[in-house]
Amino acid sequence: MRENSENILTEYLIKHPEEEDHYKLYHKYKNDPRLTKIGNFLRKSSLDELPQILNVIKGDMSLIGPRPYMLDERSKIGNSADIILVVKPGITGLWQVSGRNDVNFKSRIEMDIWYVRNWSFGLDIQILFKTILVVLGKKGSY
């Protein structure tokens, strides 16, 4: 992130109000002005996720599972949090291989619930292989 990122974002949203609507739906900015060129590259290539491997080694995360939700997103999840938060968060999951950032927030929650209720080792293997294809294809990455 750039220094003074919140001011940069505020100025950007004044000039591009449609991005705010996009954020409300997807919880991501397609052209996040707060990112440096290196940060943008790391995010688009998914290399920004690599440090989370340390969380997997520590036992705080799984390779596959629902993505961790931000604290401010918890209230938007509602009662679904009781289902989703039963399992450890993962570096990759069902919605990441089903469209990545092109999947809206409501659909992410629905897919996370479906994953928790239908978990199997075979499902995790499918998600793992699809993750490799999705990362290499870079579709929906921003």
N, C-alpha and C. Protein backbone atom coordinates (compact mmCIF):
# COMPACT_ATOMS: atom_id res chain seq x y z
N MET A 1 0.84 -1.19 0.00
CA MET A 1 0.00 0.00 0.00
C MET A 1 0.88 1.25 0.00
N ARG A 2 0.36 2.24 -0.63
CA ARG A 2 1.05 3.52 -0.66
C ARG A 2 0.88 4.24 0.67
N GLU A 3 1.81 5.12 0.94
CA GLU A 3 1.68 6.00 2.09
C GLU A 3 0.48 6.92 1.84
N ASN A 4 -0.26 7.25 2.88
CA ASN A 4 -1.42 8.13 2.75
C ASN A 4 -2.52 7.48 1.91
N SER A 5 -2.65 6.17 2.02
CA SER A 5 -3.54 5.41 1.14
C SER A 5 -5.02 5.79 1.27
N GLU A 6 -5.46 6.12 2.47
CA GLU A 6 -6.88 6.46 2.63
C GLU A 6 -7.23 7.76 1.91
N ASN A 7 -6.33 8.74 1.95
CA ASN A 7 -6.58 9.99 1.21
C ASN A 7 -6.56 9.75 -0.30
N ILE A 8 -5.64 8.91 -0.74
CA ILE A 8 -5.56 8.56 -2.16
C ILE A 8 -6.88 7.91 -2.60
N LEU A 9 -7.38 7.01 -1.77
CA LEU A 9 -8.63 6.32 -2.10
C LEU A 9 -9.81 7.29 -2.13
N THR A 10 -9.88 8.19 -1.17
CA THR A 10 -10.97 9.17 -1.13
C THR A 10 -10.98 10.02 -2.39
N GLU A 11 -9.80 10.52 -2.78
CA GLU A 11 -9.70 11.34 -3.99
C GLU A 11 -10.10 10.53 -5.23
N TYR A 12 -9.67 9.29 -5.28
CA TYR A 12 -9.98 8.43 -6.42
C TYR A 12 -11.49 8.20 -6.53
N LEU A 13 -12.14 7.95 -5.40
CA LEU A 13 -13.58 7.67 -5.41
C LEU A 13 -14.39 8.91 -5.78
N ILE A 14 -13.89 10.08 -5.48
CA ILE A 14 -14.56 11.31 -5.91
C ILE A 14 -14.55 11.39 -7.43
N LYS A 15 -13.43 11.01 -8.03
CA LYS A 15 -13.29 11.05 -9.49
C LYS A 15 -13.97 9.85 -10.17
N HIS A 16 -14.07 8.72 -9.47
CA HIS A 16 -14.61 7.48 -10.04
C HIS A 16 -15.65 6.88 -9.10
N PRO A 17 -16.82 7.49 -8.98
CA PRO A 17 -17.83 6.99 -8.03
C PRO A 17 -18.33 5.57 -8.35
N GLU A 18 -18.21 5.15 -9.59
CA GLU A 18 -18.65 3.79 -9.96
C GLU A 18 -17.83 2.72 -9.25
N GLU A 19 -16.61 3.05 -8.88
CA GLU A 19 -15.76 2.10 -8.16
C GLU A 19 -16.32 1.81 -6.76
N GLU A 20 -16.98 2.80 -6.17
CA GLU A 20 -17.57 2.59 -4.85
C GLU A 20 -18.72 1.57 -4.94
N ASP A 21 -19.50 1.66 -6.01
CA ASP A 21 -20.57 0.68 -6.23
C ASP A 21 -19.99 -0.71 -6.43
N HIS A 22 -18.88 -0.78 -7.16
CA HIS A 22 -18.20 -2.06 -7.39
C HIS A 22 -17.74 -2.64 -6.06
N TYR A 23 -17.19 -1.79 -5.19
CA TYR A 23 -16.72 -2.27 -3.89
C TYR A 23 -17.87 -2.81 -3.04
N LYS A 24 -18.99 -2.12 -3.07
CA LYS A 24 -20.14 -2.58 -2.27
C LYS A 24 -20.58 -3.97 -2.70
N LEU A 25 -20.45 -4.27 -3.96
CA LEU A 25 -20.88 -5.56 -4.48
C LEU A 25 -19.81 -6.65 -4.32
N TYR A 26 -18.55 -6.30 -4.57
CA TYR A 26 -17.47 -7.30 -4.61
C TYR A 26 -16.49 -7.22 -3.45
N HIS A 27 -16.52 -6.14 -2.69
CA HIS A 27 -15.59 -5.90 -1.59
C HIS A 27 -14.14 -5.86 -2.07
N LYS A 28 -13.94 -5.39 -3.26
CA LYS A 28 -12.61 -5.18 -3.86
C LYS A 28 -12.71 -3.99 -4.80
N TYR A 29 -11.61 -3.28 -4.95
CA TYR A 29 -11.53 -2.23 -5.96
C TYR A 29 -10.79 -2.82 -7.15
N LYS A 30 -11.39 -2.74 -8.31
CA LYS A 30 -10.79 -3.32 -9.51
C LYS A 30 -9.47 -2.64 -9.84
N ASN A 31 -9.42 -1.33 -9.69
CA ASN A 31 -8.19 -0.57 -9.96
C ASN A 31 -7.80 0.17 -8.69
N ASP A 32 -7.38 -0.56 -7.69
CA ASP A 32 -7.10 0.03 -6.38
C ASP A 32 -5.94 1.02 -6.48
N PRO A 33 -6.22 2.32 -6.29
CA PRO A 33 -5.17 3.33 -6.44
C PRO A 33 -4.18 3.33 -5.28
N ARG A 34 -4.47 2.60 -4.23
CA ARG A 34 -3.58 2.57 -3.07
C ARG A 34 -2.39 1.66 -3.28
N LEU A 35 -2.45 0.81 -4.30
CA LEU A 35 -1.38 -0.16 -4.53
C LEU A 35 -0.22 0.46 -5.29
N THR A 36 0.98 0.09 -4.90
CA THR A 36 2.16 0.47 -5.67
C THR A 36 2.23 -0.45 -6.89
N LYS A 37 3.13 -0.16 -7.81
CA LYS A 37 3.28 -1.04 -8.98
C LYS A 37 3.67 -2.45 -8.56
N ILE A 38 4.57 -2.54 -7.59
CA ILE A 38 4.98 -3.86 -7.10
C ILE A 38 3.81 -4.55 -6.41
N GLY A 39 3.08 -3.81 -5.59
CA GLY A 39 1.91 -4.38 -4.90
C GLY A 39 0.86 -4.86 -5.88
N ASN A 40 0.65 -4.10 -6.93
CA ASN A 40 -0.31 -4.48 -7.97
C ASN A 40 0.13 -5.79 -8.65
N PHE A 41 1.42 -5.88 -8.96
CA PHE A 41 1.95 -7.11 -9.56
C PHE A 41 1.77 -8.30 -8.62
N LEU A 42 2.12 -8.11 -7.34
CA LEU A 42 1.99 -9.19 -6.37
C LEU A 42 0.55 -9.66 -6.24
N ARG A 43 -0.39 -8.71 -6.24
CA ARG A 43 -1.80 -9.08 -6.10
C ARG A 43 -2.30 -9.80 -7.34
N LYS A 44 -1.98 -9.28 -8.53
CA LYS A 44 -2.48 -9.90 -9.76
C LYS A 44 -1.88 -11.28 -10.00
N SER A 45 -0.66 -11.49 -9.51
CA SER A 45 -0.02 -12.80 -9.68
C SER A 45 -0.31 -13.74 -8.51
N SER A 46 -1.03 -13.24 -7.51
CA SER A 46 -1.37 -13.98 -6.28
C SER A 46 -0.16 -14.27 -5.40
N LEU A 47 0.97 -13.66 -5.69
CA LEU A 47 2.14 -13.85 -4.85
C LEU A 47 1.97 -13.19 -3.48
N ASP A 48 1.01 -12.27 -3.37
CA ASP A 48 0.74 -11.64 -2.08
C ASP A 48 0.15 -12.62 -1.07
N GLU A 49 -0.27 -13.79 -1.53
CA GLU A 49 -0.84 -14.80 -0.64
C GLU A 49 0.23 -15.70 -0.01
N LEU A 50 1.44 -15.70 -0.57
CA LEU A 50 2.49 -16.61 -0.10
C LEU A 50 2.81 -16.49 1.39
N PRO A 51 2.86 -15.29 1.98
CA PRO A 51 3.15 -15.22 3.42
C PRO A 51 2.14 -15.99 4.28
N GLN A 52 0.95 -16.24 3.75
CA GLN A 52 -0.04 -16.98 4.52
C GLN A 52 0.34 -18.44 4.72
N ILE A 53 1.32 -18.91 3.96
CA ILE A 53 1.82 -20.28 4.17
C ILE A 53 2.36 -20.41 5.59
N LEU A 54 2.94 -19.32 6.11
CA LEU A 54 3.41 -19.34 7.50
C LEU A 54 2.24 -19.56 8.46
N ASN A 55 1.09 -18.98 8.16
CA ASN A 55 -0.09 -19.20 8.99
C ASN A 55 -0.56 -20.65 8.92
N VAL A 56 -0.39 -21.28 7.76
CA VAL A 56 -0.74 -22.70 7.62
C VAL A 56 0.21 -23.54 8.47
N ILE A 57 1.50 -23.23 8.40
CA ILE A 57 2.50 -23.97 9.17
C ILE A 57 2.23 -23.82 10.67
N LYS A 58 1.85 -22.62 11.10
CA LYS A 58 1.54 -22.37 12.51
C LYS A 58 0.25 -23.04 12.94
N GLY A 59 -0.59 -23.43 11.99
CA GLY A 59 -1.85 -24.07 12.32
C GLY A 59 -3.02 -23.10 12.43
N ASP A 60 -2.81 -21.84 12.07
CA ASP A 60 -3.88 -20.84 12.15
C ASP A 60 -4.79 -20.88 10.92
N MET A 61 -4.29 -21.42 9.82
CA MET A 61 -5.04 -21.48 8.57
C MET A 61 -4.87 -22.85 7.94
N SER A 62 -5.73 -23.13 6.97
CA SER A 62 -5.60 -24.32 6.13
C SER A 62 -5.21 -23.88 4.73
N LEU A 63 -4.74 -24.81 3.93
CA LEU A 63 -4.50 -24.47 2.53
C LEU A 63 -5.82 -24.15 1.84
N ILE A 64 -6.86 -24.94 2.16
CA ILE A 64 -8.15 -24.79 1.50
C ILE A 64 -9.23 -24.59 2.56
N GLY A 65 -10.09 -23.62 2.30
CA GLY A 65 -11.18 -23.31 3.21
C GLY A 65 -11.74 -21.95 2.87
N PRO A 66 -12.74 -21.49 3.58
CA PRO A 66 -13.25 -20.14 3.33
C PRO A 66 -12.15 -19.12 3.59
N ARG A 67 -12.08 -18.10 2.77
CA ARG A 67 -11.09 -17.04 2.99
C ARG A 67 -11.40 -16.33 4.30
N PRO A 68 -10.37 -15.81 4.96
CA PRO A 68 -10.65 -15.03 6.17
C PRO A 68 -11.44 -13.77 5.81
N TYR A 69 -12.37 -13.42 6.65
CA TYR A 69 -13.15 -12.20 6.43
C TYR A 69 -12.56 -11.07 7.27
N MET A 70 -12.62 -9.87 6.72
CA MET A 70 -12.18 -8.68 7.45
C MET A 70 -13.17 -8.43 8.59
N LEU A 71 -12.69 -7.78 9.64
CA LEU A 71 -13.57 -7.50 10.78
C LEU A 71 -14.80 -6.71 10.38
N ASP A 72 -14.63 -5.74 9.47
CA ASP A 72 -15.78 -4.93 9.06
C ASP A 72 -16.76 -5.71 8.17
N GLU A 73 -16.33 -6.86 7.67
CA GLU A 73 -17.22 -7.69 6.85
C GLU A 73 -18.06 -8.63 7.72
N ARG A 74 -17.63 -8.86 8.93
CA ARG A 74 -18.30 -9.82 9.81
C ARG A 74 -19.78 -9.49 9.98
N SER A 75 -20.09 -8.21 10.16
CA SER A 75 -21.50 -7.83 10.34
C SER A 75 -22.31 -8.07 9.06
N LYS A 76 -21.64 -8.02 7.91
CA LYS A 76 -22.34 -8.23 6.64
C LYS A 76 -22.61 -9.72 6.39
N ILE A 77 -21.87 -10.57 7.08
CA ILE A 77 -22.06 -12.02 6.93
C ILE A 77 -23.28 -12.47 7.73
N GLY A 78 -23.55 -11.79 8.84
CA GLY A 78 -24.71 -12.12 9.67
C GLY A 78 -24.59 -13.49 10.31
N ASN A 79 -25.69 -14.21 10.39
CA ASN A 79 -25.72 -15.53 11.02
C ASN A 79 -24.91 -16.57 10.27
N SER A 80 -24.58 -16.28 9.03
CA SER A 80 -23.77 -17.22 8.24
C SER A 80 -22.40 -17.41 8.86
N ALA A 81 -21.95 -16.44 9.65
CA ALA A 81 -20.65 -16.55 10.30
C ALA A 81 -20.60 -17.78 11.21
N ASP A 82 -21.74 -18.13 11.83
CA ASP A 82 -21.78 -19.30 12.71
C ASP A 82 -21.44 -20.58 11.96
N ILE A 83 -21.73 -20.61 10.67
CA ILE A 83 -21.42 -21.79 9.85
C ILE A 83 -20.00 -21.68 9.30
N ILE A 84 -19.69 -20.55 8.70
CA ILE A 84 -18.41 -20.37 8.01
C ILE A 84 -17.23 -20.44 8.97
N LEU A 85 -17.37 -19.84 10.14
CA LEU A 85 -16.24 -19.75 11.06
C LEU A 85 -16.00 -21.00 11.88
N VAL A 86 -16.74 -22.07 11.58
CA VAL A 86 -16.52 -23.36 12.25
C VAL A 86 -15.19 -23.97 11.80
N VAL A 87 -14.79 -23.69 10.57
CA VAL A 87 -13.55 -24.25 10.03
C VAL A 87 -12.48 -23.16 9.95
N LYS A 88 -11.24 -23.60 9.87
CA LYS A 88 -10.14 -22.64 9.73
C LYS A 88 -10.22 -21.98 8.36
N PRO A 89 -9.85 -20.72 8.28
CA PRO A 89 -9.82 -20.07 6.97
C PRO A 89 -8.71 -20.68 6.11
N GLY A 90 -8.86 -20.54 4.81
CA GLY A 90 -7.88 -21.12 3.90
C GLY A 90 -7.26 -20.09 2.98
N ILE A 91 -6.13 -20.44 2.40
CA ILE A 91 -5.47 -19.57 1.42
C ILE A 91 -6.29 -19.54 0.14
N THR A 92 -6.88 -20.66 -0.20
CA THR A 92 -7.75 -20.73 -1.38
C THR A 92 -9.03 -21.45 -1.00
N GLY A 93 -10.04 -21.28 -1.83
CA GLY A 93 -11.31 -21.90 -1.51
C GLY A 93 -12.21 -21.97 -2.73
N LEU A 94 -13.44 -22.34 -2.49
CA LEU A 94 -14.37 -22.58 -3.58
C LEU A 94 -14.63 -21.35 -4.43
N TRP A 95 -14.86 -20.19 -3.81
CA TRP A 95 -15.17 -19.02 -4.65
C TRP A 95 -13.94 -18.51 -5.39
N GLN A 96 -12.76 -18.77 -4.88
CA GLN A 96 -11.56 -18.35 -5.60
C GLN A 96 -11.41 -19.11 -6.91
N VAL A 97 -11.84 -20.36 -6.93
CA VAL A 97 -11.73 -21.14 -8.17
C VAL A 97 -13.01 -21.05 -9.00
N SER A 98 -13.97 -20.28 -8.52
CA SER A 98 -15.25 -20.11 -9.23
C SER A 98 -15.41 -18.70 -9.76
N GLY A 99 -14.31 -18.01 -9.95
CA GLY A 99 -14.40 -16.66 -10.51
C GLY A 99 -13.54 -15.64 -9.79
N ARG A 100 -12.91 -16.02 -8.70
CA ARG A 100 -12.05 -15.12 -7.93
C ARG A 100 -12.77 -13.84 -7.56
N ASN A 101 -12.17 -12.73 -7.88
CA ASN A 101 -12.73 -11.43 -7.50
C ASN A 101 -13.92 -11.02 -8.35
N ASP A 102 -14.26 -11.80 -9.36
CA ASP A 102 -15.46 -11.51 -10.15
C ASP A 102 -16.72 -12.08 -9.50
N VAL A 103 -16.56 -12.78 -8.38
CA VAL A 103 -17.69 -13.33 -7.63
C VAL A 103 -18.12 -12.29 -6.61
N ASN A 104 -19.41 -11.94 -6.61
CA ASN A 104 -19.85 -10.91 -5.67
C ASN A 104 -19.86 -11.44 -4.23
N PHE A 105 -19.92 -10.52 -3.28
CA PHE A 105 -19.77 -10.85 -1.87
C PHE A 105 -20.85 -11.84 -1.39
N LYS A 106 -22.08 -11.63 -1.80
CA LYS A 106 -23.17 -12.52 -1.39
C LYS A 106 -22.90 -13.95 -1.88
N SER A 107 -22.45 -14.08 -3.12
CA SER A 107 -22.14 -15.41 -3.66
C SER A 107 -20.96 -16.05 -2.94
N ARG A 108 -19.99 -15.24 -2.53
CA ARG A 108 -18.86 -15.78 -1.76
C ARG A 108 -19.36 -16.44 -0.48
N ILE A 109 -20.24 -15.74 0.22
CA ILE A 109 -20.79 -16.28 1.46
C ILE A 109 -21.52 -17.59 1.19
N GLU A 110 -22.35 -17.60 0.16
CA GLU A 110 -23.10 -18.81 -0.19
C GLU A 110 -22.16 -19.97 -0.52
N MET A 111 -21.08 -19.69 -1.26
CA MET A 111 -20.12 -20.74 -1.61
C MET A 111 -19.35 -21.22 -0.39
N ASP A 112 -19.02 -20.30 0.52
CA ASP A 112 -18.32 -20.71 1.74
C ASP A 112 -19.21 -21.62 2.59
N ILE A 113 -20.49 -21.29 2.69
CA ILE A 113 -21.43 -22.14 3.44
C ILE A 113 -21.53 -23.50 2.77
N TRP A 114 -21.67 -23.51 1.45
CA TRP A 114 -21.77 -24.78 0.72
C TRP A 114 -20.51 -25.62 0.97
N TYR A 115 -19.34 -24.98 0.93
CA TYR A 115 -18.08 -25.69 1.15
C TYR A 115 -18.07 -26.35 2.53
N VAL A 116 -18.42 -25.59 3.56
CA VAL A 116 -18.39 -26.12 4.93
C VAL A 116 -19.36 -27.30 5.06
N ARG A 117 -20.53 -27.16 4.50
CA ARG A 117 -21.55 -28.22 4.63
C ARG A 117 -21.25 -29.45 3.78
N ASN A 118 -20.46 -29.29 2.73
CA ASN A 118 -20.20 -30.40 1.79
C ASN A 118 -18.73 -30.79 1.74
N TRP A 119 -17.97 -30.42 2.76
CA TRP A 119 -16.54 -30.67 2.74
C TRP A 119 -16.23 -32.16 2.56
N SER A 120 -15.20 -32.40 1.75
CA SER A 120 -14.64 -33.75 1.64
C SER A 120 -13.19 -33.60 1.17
N PHE A 121 -12.42 -34.63 1.39
CA PHE A 121 -11.03 -34.60 0.94
C PHE A 121 -10.98 -34.45 -0.58
N GLY A 122 -11.88 -35.13 -1.27
CA GLY A 122 -11.94 -35.04 -2.73
C GLY A 122 -12.24 -33.62 -3.20
N LEU A 123 -13.14 -32.93 -2.50
CA LEU A 123 -13.45 -31.54 -2.84
C LEU A 123 -12.22 -30.67 -2.68
N ASP A 124 -11.47 -30.87 -1.59
CA ASP A 124 -10.25 -30.09 -1.39
C ASP A 124 -9.23 -30.35 -2.50
N ILE A 125 -9.10 -31.58 -2.94
CA ILE A 125 -8.17 -31.90 -4.03
C ILE A 125 -8.61 -31.19 -5.31
N GLN A 126 -9.92 -31.20 -5.60
CA GLN A 126 -10.43 -30.49 -6.79
C GLN A 126 -10.11 -29.00 -6.71
N ILE A 127 -10.36 -28.40 -5.55
CA ILE A 127 -10.10 -26.97 -5.38
C ILE A 127 -8.62 -26.68 -5.53
N LEU A 128 -7.77 -27.54 -4.98
CA LEU A 128 -6.33 -27.34 -5.08
C LEU A 128 -5.87 -27.33 -6.54
N PHE A 129 -6.32 -28.30 -7.33
CA PHE A 129 -5.93 -28.34 -8.74
C PHE A 129 -6.52 -27.18 -9.53
N LYS A 130 -7.76 -26.82 -9.24
CA LYS A 130 -8.37 -25.68 -9.92
C LYS A 130 -7.65 -24.38 -9.55
N THR A 131 -7.16 -24.29 -8.32
CA THR A 131 -6.43 -23.09 -7.90
C THR A 131 -5.21 -22.87 -8.77
N ILE A 132 -4.49 -23.93 -9.05
CA ILE A 132 -3.30 -23.83 -9.90
C ILE A 132 -3.68 -23.28 -11.27
N LEU A 133 -4.74 -23.81 -11.85
CA LEU A 133 -5.19 -23.34 -13.17
C LEU A 133 -5.64 -21.89 -13.12
N VAL A 134 -6.37 -21.52 -12.07
CA VAL A 134 -6.89 -20.15 -11.95
C VAL A 134 -5.74 -19.16 -11.77
N VAL A 135 -4.77 -19.50 -10.94
CA VAL A 135 -3.64 -18.59 -10.71
C VAL A 135 -2.84 -18.42 -11.99
N LEU A 136 -2.61 -19.50 -12.72
CA LEU A 136 -1.87 -19.39 -13.98
C LEU A 136 -2.65 -18.61 -15.02
N GLY A 137 -3.98 -18.74 -15.01
CA GLY A 137 -4.82 -18.03 -15.97
C GLY A 137 -5.04 -16.57 -15.62
N LYS A 138 -4.89 -16.21 -14.36
CA LYS A 138 -5.02 -14.84 -13.86
C LYS A 138 -6.40 -14.22 -14.09
N LYS A 139 -7.39 -15.01 -14.47
CA LYS A 139 -8.73 -14.46 -14.66
C LYS A 139 -9.33 -14.06 -13.31
N GLY A 140 -9.94 -12.88 -13.27
CA GLY A 140 -10.57 -12.40 -12.05
C GLY A 140 -9.60 -11.92 -11.00
N SER A 141 -8.35 -11.72 -11.40
CA SER A 141 -7.32 -11.31 -10.45
C SER A 141 -7.15 -9.80 -10.47
N TYR A 142 -7.46 -9.19 -9.35
CA TYR A 142 -7.21 -7.75 -9.16
C TYR A 142 -7.28 -7.43 -7.70
